[in-house]
Amino acid sequence: WIFTAPQGGPVVYTHFMDGSWRPACAKAGIPKGTGP
């Protein structure tokens, strides 16, 4: 895998959304509900 979860293996979508995507969108001022 090129992008891995912190514990290794593939990134789990729900973990990515909750742990990375939504916080990054909030920080960047991107409207809530905007997905990948």
PDB file of all heavy atoms in Angstrom:
ATOM      1  N   TRP A   1       0.831  -1.189   0.000  1.00  0.00           N
ATOM      2  CA  TRP A   1       0.000   0.000   0.000  1.00  0.00           C
ATOM      3  C   TRP A   1       0.871   1.246   0.000  1.00  0.00           C
ATOM      4  O   TRP A   1       1.858   1.332   0.720  1.00  0.00           O
ATOM      5  CB  TRP A   1      -0.899   0.010   1.237  1.00  0.00           C
ATOM      6  CG  TRP A   1      -1.845  -1.144   1.264  1.00  0.00           C
ATOM      7  CD1 TRP A   1      -1.679  -2.329   1.927  1.00  0.00           C
ATOM      8  CD2 TRP A   1      -3.075  -1.248   0.569  1.00  0.00           C
ATOM      9  NE1 TRP A   1      -2.737  -3.162   1.694  1.00  0.00           N
ATOM     10  CE2 TRP A   1      -3.627  -2.521   0.867  1.00  0.00           C
ATOM     11  CE3 TRP A   1      -3.790  -0.404  -0.266  1.00  0.00           C
ATOM     12  CZ2 TRP A   1      -4.834  -2.953   0.357  1.00  0.00           C
ATOM     13  CZ3 TRP A   1      -5.006  -0.832  -0.773  1.00  0.00           C
ATOM     14  CH2 TRP A   1      -5.509  -2.093  -0.463  1.00  0.00           C
ATOM     15  N   ILE A   2       0.487   2.242  -0.783  1.00  0.00           N
ATOM     16  CA  ILE A   2       1.213   3.516  -0.792  1.00  0.00           C
ATOM     17  C   ILE A   2       0.798   4.354   0.409  1.00  0.00           C
ATOM     18  O   ILE A   2       1.611   4.986   1.054  1.00  0.00           O
ATOM     19  CB  ILE A   2       0.963   4.271  -2.117  1.00  0.00           C
ATOM     20  CG1 ILE A   2       1.580   3.480  -3.264  1.00  0.00           C
ATOM     21  CG2 ILE A   2       1.530   5.687  -2.056  1.00  0.00           C
ATOM     22  CD1 ILE A   2       1.277   4.031  -4.637  1.00  0.00           C
ATOM     23  N   PHE A   3      -0.489   4.356   0.702  1.00  0.00           N
ATOM     24  CA  PHE A   3      -1.010   5.071   1.863  1.00  0.00           C
ATOM     25  C   PHE A   3      -1.521   4.025   2.839  1.00  0.00           C
ATOM     26  O   PHE A   3      -2.328   3.177   2.472  1.00  0.00           O
ATOM     27  CB  PHE A   3      -2.132   6.030   1.457  1.00  0.00           C
ATOM     28  CG  PHE A   3      -1.688   7.036   0.435  1.00  0.00           C
ATOM     29  CD1 PHE A   3      -2.051   6.902  -0.892  1.00  0.00           C
ATOM     30  CD2 PHE A   3      -0.903   8.111   0.807  1.00  0.00           C
ATOM     31  CE1 PHE A   3      -1.639   7.823  -1.835  1.00  0.00           C
ATOM     32  CE2 PHE A   3      -0.482   9.045  -0.125  1.00  0.00           C
ATOM     33  CZ  PHE A   3      -0.850   8.897  -1.459  1.00  0.00           C
ATOM     34  N   THR A   4      -1.037   4.081   4.065  1.00  0.00           N
ATOM     35  CA  THR A   4      -1.403   3.056   5.039  1.00  0.00           C
ATOM     36  C   THR A   4      -2.029   3.678   6.285  1.00  0.00           C
ATOM     37  O   THR A   4      -1.813   4.860   6.594  1.00  0.00           O
ATOM     38  CB  THR A   4      -0.164   2.249   5.470  1.00  0.00           C
ATOM     39  OG1 THR A   4       0.790   3.149   6.037  1.00  0.00           O
ATOM     40  CG2 THR A   4       0.452   1.511   4.299  1.00  0.00           C
ATOM     41  N   ALA A   5      -2.763   2.854   6.982  1.00  0.00           N
ATOM     42  CA  ALA A   5      -3.324   3.244   8.271  1.00  0.00           C
ATOM     43  C   ALA A   5      -2.190   3.315   9.291  1.00  0.00           C
ATOM     44  O   ALA A   5      -1.139   2.700   9.094  1.00  0.00           O
ATOM     45  CB  ALA A   5      -4.370   2.220   8.688  1.00  0.00           C
ATOM     46  N   PRO A   6      -2.369   4.032  10.391  1.00  0.00           N
ATOM     47  CA  PRO A   6      -1.297   4.128  11.403  1.00  0.00           C
ATOM     48  C   PRO A   6      -0.819   2.772  11.903  1.00  0.00           C
ATOM     49  O   PRO A   6       0.370   2.595  12.165  1.00  0.00           O
ATOM     50  CB  PRO A   6      -1.958   4.927  12.540  1.00  0.00           C
ATOM     51  CG  PRO A   6      -3.032   5.711  11.879  1.00  0.00           C
ATOM     52  CD  PRO A   6      -3.527   4.855  10.741  1.00  0.00           C
ATOM     53  N   GLN A   7      -1.703   1.791  11.968  1.00  0.00           N
ATOM     54  CA  GLN A   7      -1.322   0.461  12.433  1.00  0.00           C
ATOM     55  C   GLN A   7      -0.858  -0.434  11.284  1.00  0.00           C
ATOM     56  O   GLN A   7      -0.573  -1.607  11.494  1.00  0.00           O
ATOM     57  CB  GLN A   7      -2.478  -0.194  13.213  1.00  0.00           C
ATOM     58  CG  GLN A   7      -3.691  -0.542  12.389  1.00  0.00           C
ATOM     59  CD  GLN A   7      -4.631   0.637  12.102  1.00  0.00           C
ATOM     60  OE1 GLN A   7      -4.311   1.802  12.342  1.00  0.00           O
ATOM     61  NE2 GLN A   7      -5.788   0.342  11.557  1.00  0.00           N
ATOM     62  N   GLY A   8      -0.770   0.126  10.073  1.00  0.00           N
ATOM     63  CA  GLY A   8      -0.370  -0.646   8.899  1.00  0.00           C
ATOM     64  C   GLY A   8      -1.585  -1.111   8.120  1.00  0.00           C
ATOM     65  O   GLY A   8      -2.718  -1.006   8.575  1.00  0.00           O
ATOM     66  N   GLY A   9      -1.344  -1.594   6.927  1.00  0.00           N
ATOM     67  CA  GLY A   9      -2.445  -2.048   6.079  1.00  0.00           C
ATOM     68  C   GLY A   9      -3.174  -0.891   5.427  1.00  0.00           C
ATOM     69  O   GLY A   9      -2.791   0.269   5.574  1.00  0.00           O
ATOM     70  N   PRO A  10      -4.232  -1.197   4.692  1.00  0.00           N
ATOM     71  CA  PRO A  10      -4.942  -0.151   3.953  1.00  0.00           C
ATOM     72  C   PRO A  10      -5.688   0.814   4.881  1.00  0.00           C
ATOM     73  O   PRO A  10      -6.021   0.481   6.020  1.00  0.00           O
ATOM     74  CB  PRO A  10      -5.931  -0.938   3.095  1.00  0.00           C
ATOM     75  CG  PRO A  10      -6.127  -2.220   3.811  1.00  0.00           C
ATOM     76  CD  PRO A  10      -4.822  -2.511   4.489  1.00  0.00           C
ATOM     77  N   VAL A  11      -5.906   1.988   4.386  1.00  0.00           N
ATOM     78  CA  VAL A  11      -6.661   3.007   5.111  1.00  0.00           C
ATOM     79  C   VAL A  11      -8.131   2.612   5.090  1.00  0.00           C
ATOM     80  O   VAL A  11      -8.683   2.313   4.031  1.00  0.00           O
ATOM     81  CB  VAL A  11      -6.466   4.400   4.451  1.00  0.00           C
ATOM     82  CG1 VAL A  11      -7.331   5.446   5.115  1.00  0.00           C
ATOM     83  CG2 VAL A  11      -4.997   4.799   4.490  1.00  0.00           C
ATOM     84  N   VAL A  12      -8.769   2.635   6.247  1.00  0.00           N
ATOM     85  CA  VAL A  12     -10.194   2.348   6.342  1.00  0.00           C
ATOM     86  C   VAL A  12     -10.942   3.659   6.111  1.00  0.00           C
ATOM     87  O   VAL A  12     -10.642   4.679   6.750  1.00  0.00           O
ATOM     88  CB  VAL A  12     -10.549   1.755   7.729  1.00  0.00           C
ATOM     89  CG1 VAL A  12     -12.045   1.543   7.869  1.00  0.00           C
ATOM     90  CG2 VAL A  12      -9.788   0.452   7.940  1.00  0.00           C
ATOM     91  N   TYR A  13     -11.889   3.627   5.191  1.00  0.00           N
ATOM     92  CA  TYR A  13     -12.596   4.840   4.771  1.00  0.00           C
ATOM     93  C   TYR A  13     -13.171   5.620   5.950  1.00  0.00           C
ATOM     94  O   TYR A  13     -12.967   6.833   6.049  1.00  0.00           O
ATOM     95  CB  TYR A  13     -13.701   4.466   3.779  1.00  0.00           C
ATOM     96  CG  TYR A  13     -14.463   5.656   3.233  1.00  0.00           C
ATOM     97  CD1 TYR A  13     -13.911   6.449   2.231  1.00  0.00           C
ATOM     98  CD2 TYR A  13     -15.716   5.993   3.724  1.00  0.00           C
ATOM     99  CE1 TYR A  13     -14.592   7.542   1.725  1.00  0.00           C
ATOM    100  CE2 TYR A  13     -16.402   7.081   3.235  1.00  0.00           C
ATOM    101  CZ  TYR A  13     -15.849   7.859   2.232  1.00  0.00           C
ATOM    102  OH  TYR A  13     -16.524   8.945   1.750  1.00  0.00           O
ATOM    103  N   THR A  14     -13.886   4.955   6.842  1.00  0.00           N
ATOM    104  CA  THR A  14     -14.513   5.679   7.955  1.00  0.00           C
ATOM    105  C   THR A  14     -13.463   6.302   8.875  1.00  0.00           C
ATOM    106  O   THR A  14     -13.658   7.417   9.357  1.00  0.00           O
ATOM    107  CB  THR A  14     -15.442   4.752   8.774  1.00  0.00           C
ATOM    108  OG1 THR A  14     -14.718   3.595   9.154  1.00  0.00           O
ATOM    109  CG2 THR A  14     -16.669   4.358   7.970  1.00  0.00           C
ATOM    110  N   HIS A  15     -12.357   5.609   9.097  1.00  0.00           N
ATOM    111  CA  HIS A  15     -11.286   6.180   9.928  1.00  0.00           C
ATOM    112  C   HIS A  15     -10.666   7.394   9.226  1.00  0.00           C
ATOM    113  O   HIS A  15     -10.357   8.397   9.868  1.00  0.00           O
ATOM    114  CB  HIS A  15     -10.209   5.152  10.224  1.00  0.00           C
ATOM    115  CG  HIS A  15     -10.697   4.008  11.057  1.00  0.00           C
ATOM    116  ND1 HIS A  15      -9.982   2.848  11.186  1.00  0.00           N
ATOM    117  CD2 HIS A  15     -11.829   3.824  11.786  1.00  0.00           C
ATOM    118  CE1 HIS A  15     -10.649   2.011  11.964  1.00  0.00           C
ATOM    119  NE2 HIS A  15     -11.782   2.586  12.327  1.00  0.00           N
ATOM    120  N   PHE A  16     -10.478   7.279   7.936  1.00  0.00           N
ATOM    121  CA  PHE A  16      -9.920   8.390   7.156  1.00  0.00           C
ATOM    122  C   PHE A  16     -10.845   9.600   7.217  1.00  0.00           C
ATOM    123  O   PHE A  16     -10.403  10.725   7.448  1.00  0.00           O
ATOM    124  CB  PHE A  16      -9.693   7.958   5.707  1.00  0.00           C
ATOM    125  CG  PHE A  16      -9.427   9.109   4.775  1.00  0.00           C
ATOM    126  CD1 PHE A  16      -8.212   9.775   4.803  1.00  0.00           C
ATOM    127  CD2 PHE A  16     -10.403   9.535   3.882  1.00  0.00           C
ATOM    128  CE1 PHE A  16      -7.963  10.850   3.948  1.00  0.00           C
ATOM    129  CE2 PHE A  16     -10.160  10.596   3.031  1.00  0.00           C
ATOM    130  CZ  PHE A  16      -8.942  11.254   3.065  1.00  0.00           C
ATOM    131  N   MET A  17     -12.136   9.351   7.023  1.00  0.00           N
ATOM    132  CA  MET A  17     -13.093  10.458   7.018  1.00  0.00           C
ATOM    133  C   MET A  17     -13.125  11.163   8.376  1.00  0.00           C
ATOM    134  O   MET A  17     -13.069  12.392   8.441  1.00  0.00           O
ATOM    135  CB  MET A  17     -14.488   9.959   6.649  1.00  0.00           C
ATOM    136  CG  MET A  17     -14.614   9.513   5.205  1.00  0.00           C
ATOM    137  SD  MET A  17     -14.275  10.822   4.001  1.00  0.00           S
ATOM    138  CE  MET A  17     -15.704  11.862   4.231  1.00  0.00           C
ATOM    139  N   ASP A  18     -13.208  10.383   9.446  1.00  0.00           N
ATOM    140  CA  ASP A  18     -13.319  10.961  10.786  1.00  0.00           C
ATOM    141  C   ASP A  18     -11.997  11.542  11.287  1.00  0.00           C
ATOM    142  O   ASP A  18     -11.983  12.586  11.933  1.00  0.00           O
ATOM    143  CB  ASP A  18     -13.816   9.910  11.786  1.00  0.00           C
ATOM    144  CG  ASP A  18     -15.244   9.469  11.504  1.00  0.00           C
ATOM    145  OD1 ASP A  18     -15.993  10.215  10.841  1.00  0.00           O
ATOM    146  OD2 ASP A  18     -15.610   8.360  11.936  1.00  0.00           O
ATOM    147  N   GLY A  19     -10.900  10.871  10.974  1.00  0.00           N
ATOM    148  CA  GLY A  19      -9.613  11.275  11.530  1.00  0.00           C
ATOM    149  C   GLY A  19      -8.831  12.270  10.705  1.00  0.00           C
ATOM    150  O   GLY A  19      -7.981  12.989  11.233  1.00  0.00           O
ATOM    151  N   SER A  20      -9.103  12.318   9.389  1.00  0.00           N
ATOM    152  CA  SER A  20      -8.299  13.187   8.518  1.00  0.00           C
ATOM    153  C   SER A  20      -9.137  14.130   7.671  1.00  0.00           C
ATOM    154  O   SER A  20      -8.941  15.346   7.687  1.00  0.00           O
ATOM    155  CB  SER A  20      -7.413  12.337   7.596  1.00  0.00           C
ATOM    156  OG  SER A  20      -6.521  11.555   8.342  1.00  0.00           O
ATOM    157  N   TRP A  21     -10.050  13.575   6.891  1.00  0.00           N
ATOM    158  CA  TRP A  21     -10.767  14.380   5.904  1.00  0.00           C
ATOM    159  C   TRP A  21     -11.591  15.492   6.546  1.00  0.00           C
ATOM    160  O   TRP A  21     -11.424  16.665   6.206  1.00  0.00           O
ATOM    161  CB  TRP A  21     -11.661  13.481   5.034  1.00  0.00           C
ATOM    162  CG  TRP A  21     -12.392  14.262   4.001  1.00  0.00           C
ATOM    163  CD1 TRP A  21     -13.656  14.767   4.087  1.00  0.00           C
ATOM    164  CD2 TRP A  21     -11.894  14.676   2.726  1.00  0.00           C
ATOM    165  NE1 TRP A  21     -13.988  15.456   2.956  1.00  0.00           N
ATOM    166  CE2 TRP A  21     -12.921  15.418   2.102  1.00  0.00           C
ATOM    167  CE3 TRP A  21     -10.696  14.496   2.056  1.00  0.00           C
ATOM    168  CZ2 TRP A  21     -12.771  15.971   0.839  1.00  0.00           C
ATOM    169  CZ3 TRP A  21     -10.549  15.050   0.787  1.00  0.00           C
ATOM    170  CH2 TRP A  21     -11.584  15.772   0.198  1.00  0.00           C
ATOM    171  N   ARG A  22     -12.498  15.119   7.441  1.00  0.00           N
ATOM    172  CA  ARG A  22     -13.394  16.129   8.028  1.00  0.00           C
ATOM    173  C   ARG A  22     -12.623  17.188   8.817  1.00  0.00           C
ATOM    174  O   ARG A  22     -12.908  18.387   8.669  1.00  0.00           O
ATOM    175  CB  ARG A  22     -14.471  15.454   8.867  1.00  0.00           C
ATOM    176  CG  ARG A  22     -15.475  14.719   7.998  1.00  0.00           C
ATOM    177  CD  ARG A  22     -16.639  14.126   8.810  1.00  0.00           C
ATOM    178  NE  ARG A  22     -17.496  13.357   7.931  1.00  0.00           N
ATOM    179  CZ  ARG A  22     -17.551  12.024   7.901  1.00  0.00           C
ATOM    180  NH1 ARG A  22     -16.821  11.310   8.746  1.00  0.00           N
ATOM    181  NH2 ARG A  22     -18.332  11.397   7.061  1.00  0.00           N
ATOM    182  N   PRO A  23     -11.635  16.808   9.633  1.00  0.00           N
ATOM    183  CA  PRO A  23     -10.863  17.855  10.318  1.00  0.00           C
ATOM    184  C   PRO A  23     -10.116  18.779   9.340  1.00  0.00           C
ATOM    185  O   PRO A  23     -10.054  19.990   9.553  1.00  0.00           O
ATOM    186  CB  PRO A  23      -9.871  17.068  11.190  1.00  0.00           C
ATOM    187  CG  PRO A  23     -10.527  15.744  11.406  1.00  0.00           C
ATOM    188  CD  PRO A  23     -11.290  15.469  10.134  1.00  0.00           C
ATOM    189  N   ALA A  24      -9.571  18.215   8.261  1.00  0.00           N
ATOM    190  CA  ALA A  24      -8.855  19.042   7.281  1.00  0.00           C
ATOM    191  C   ALA A  24      -9.819  19.990   6.574  1.00  0.00           C
ATOM    192  O   ALA A  24      -9.492  21.160   6.347  1.00  0.00           O
ATOM    193  CB  ALA A  24      -8.137  18.152   6.268  1.00  0.00           C
ATOM    194  N   CYS A  25     -11.008  19.499   6.227  1.00  0.00           N
ATOM    195  CA  CYS A  25     -12.013  20.354   5.582  1.00  0.00           C
ATOM    196  C   CYS A  25     -12.433  21.484   6.511  1.00  0.00           C
ATOM    197  O   CYS A  25     -12.555  22.642   6.086  1.00  0.00           O
ATOM    198  CB  CYS A  25     -13.237  19.533   5.162  1.00  0.00           C
ATOM    199  SG  CYS A  25     -12.946  18.498   3.714  1.00  0.00           S
ATOM    200  N   ALA A  26     -12.661  21.162   7.785  1.00  0.00           N
ATOM    201  CA  ALA A  26     -13.055  22.188   8.754  1.00  0.00           C
ATOM    202  C   ALA A  26     -11.967  23.252   8.872  1.00  0.00           C
ATOM    203  O   ALA A  26     -12.251  24.457   8.852  1.00  0.00           O
ATOM    204  CB  ALA A  26     -13.334  21.552  10.115  1.00  0.00           C
ATOM    205  N   LYS A  27     -10.720  22.819   8.945  1.00  0.00           N
ATOM    206  CA  LYS A  27      -9.592  23.752   9.064  1.00  0.00           C
ATOM    207  C   LYS A  27      -9.474  24.642   7.822  1.00  0.00           C
ATOM    208  O   LYS A  27      -9.125  25.816   7.918  1.00  0.00           O
ATOM    209  CB  LYS A  27      -8.300  22.969   9.287  1.00  0.00           C
ATOM    210  CG  LYS A  27      -7.106  23.833   9.597  1.00  0.00           C
ATOM    211  CD  LYS A  27      -5.890  22.995   9.941  1.00  0.00           C
ATOM    212  CE  LYS A  27      -4.712  23.872  10.271  1.00  0.00           C
ATOM    213  NZ  LYS A  27      -3.542  23.061  10.631  1.00  0.00           N
ATOM    214  N   ALA A  28      -9.772  24.079   6.654  1.00  0.00           N
ATOM    215  CA  ALA A  28      -9.651  24.827   5.400  1.00  0.00           C
ATOM    216  C   ALA A  28     -10.903  25.650   5.078  1.00  0.00           C
ATOM    217  O   ALA A  28     -10.930  26.372   4.089  1.00  0.00           O
ATOM    218  CB  ALA A  28      -9.370  23.856   4.254  1.00  0.00           C
ATOM    219  N   GLY A  29     -11.955  25.515   5.917  1.00  0.00           N
ATOM    220  CA  GLY A  29     -13.180  26.267   5.664  1.00  0.00           C
ATOM    221  C   GLY A  29     -14.034  25.676   4.557  1.00  0.00           C
ATOM    222  O   GLY A  29     -14.871  26.365   3.974  1.00  0.00           O
ATOM    223  N   ILE A  30     -13.833  24.416   4.242  1.00  0.00           N
ATOM    224  CA  ILE A  30     -14.622  23.733   3.210  1.00  0.00           C
ATOM    225  C   ILE A  30     -15.952  23.332   3.839  1.00  0.00           C
ATOM    226  O   ILE A  30     -15.978  22.836   4.971  1.00  0.00           O
ATOM    227  CB  ILE A  30     -13.855  22.508   2.667  1.00  0.00           C
ATOM    228  CG1 ILE A  30     -12.587  22.992   1.956  1.00  0.00           C
ATOM    229  CG2 ILE A  30     -14.727  21.676   1.743  1.00  0.00           C
ATOM    230  CD1 ILE A  30     -11.639  21.881   1.559  1.00  0.00           C
ATOM    231  N   PRO A  31     -17.051  23.555   3.139  1.00  0.00           N
ATOM    232  CA  PRO A  31     -18.372  23.275   3.721  1.00  0.00           C
ATOM    233  C   PRO A  31     -18.509  21.852   4.250  1.00  0.00           C
ATOM    234  O   PRO A  31     -18.038  20.898   3.626  1.00  0.00           O
ATOM    235  CB  PRO A  31     -19.340  23.507   2.557  1.00  0.00           C
ATOM    236  CG  PRO A  31     -18.610  24.401   1.621  1.00  0.00           C
ATOM    237  CD  PRO A  31     -17.158  24.067   1.776  1.00  0.00           C
ATOM    238  N   LYS A  32     -19.159  21.752   5.404  1.00  0.00           N
ATOM    239  CA  LYS A  32     -19.426  20.450   6.017  1.00  0.00           C
ATOM    240  C   LYS A  32     -20.231  19.606   5.044  1.00  0.00           C
ATOM    241  O   LYS A  32     -21.113  20.106   4.354  1.00  0.00           O
ATOM    242  CB  LYS A  32     -20.212  20.653   7.320  1.00  0.00           C
ATOM    243  CG  LYS A  32     -20.322  19.429   8.161  1.00  0.00           C
ATOM    244  CD  LYS A  32     -20.971  19.746   9.502  1.00  0.00           C
ATOM    245  CE  LYS A  32     -20.958  18.505  10.360  1.00  0.00           C
ATOM    246  NZ  LYS A  32     -21.427  18.793  11.704  1.00  0.00           N
ATOM    247  N   GLY A  33     -19.917  18.323   4.967  1.00  0.00           N
ATOM    248  CA  GLY A  33     -20.617  17.423   4.058  1.00  0.00           C
ATOM    249  C   GLY A  33     -19.915  17.240   2.721  1.00  0.00           C
ATOM    250  O   GLY A  33     -20.321  16.414   1.918  1.00  0.00           O
ATOM    251  N   THR A  34     -18.847  18.017   2.475  1.00  0.00           N
ATOM    252  CA  THR A  34     -18.085  17.861   1.239  1.00  0.00           C
ATOM    253  C   THR A  34     -17.222  16.603   1.371  1.00  0.00           C
ATOM    254  O   THR A  34     -16.442  16.483   2.310  1.00  0.00           O
ATOM    255  CB  THR A  34     -17.178  19.077   0.980  1.00  0.00           C
ATOM    256  OG1 THR A  34     -17.988  20.247   0.917  1.00  0.00           O
ATOM    257  CG2 THR A  34     -16.397  18.914  -0.311  1.00  0.00           C
ATOM    258  N   GLY A  35     -17.402  15.675   0.438  1.00  0.00           N
ATOM    259  CA  GLY A  35     -16.663  14.422   0.511  1.00  0.00           C
ATOM    260  C   GLY A  35     -15.537  14.360  -0.498  1.00  0.00           C
ATOM    261  O   GLY A  35     -15.393  15.237  -1.360  1.00  0.00           O
ATOM    262  N   PRO A  36     -14.730  13.312  -0.441  1.00  0.00           N
ATOM    263  CA  PRO A  36     -13.618  13.143  -1.379  1.00  0.00           C
ATOM    264  C   PRO A  36     -14.059  13.085  -2.845  1.00  0.00           C
ATOM    265  O   PRO A  36     -13.290  13.439  -3.731  1.00  0.00           O
ATOM    266  CB  PRO A  36     -12.978  11.814  -0.953  1.00  0.00           C
ATOM    267  CG  PRO A  36     -13.365  11.642   0.464  1.00  0.00           C
ATOM    268  CD  PRO A  36     -14.727  12.271   0.594  1.00  0.00           C
TER     269      PRO A  36
END
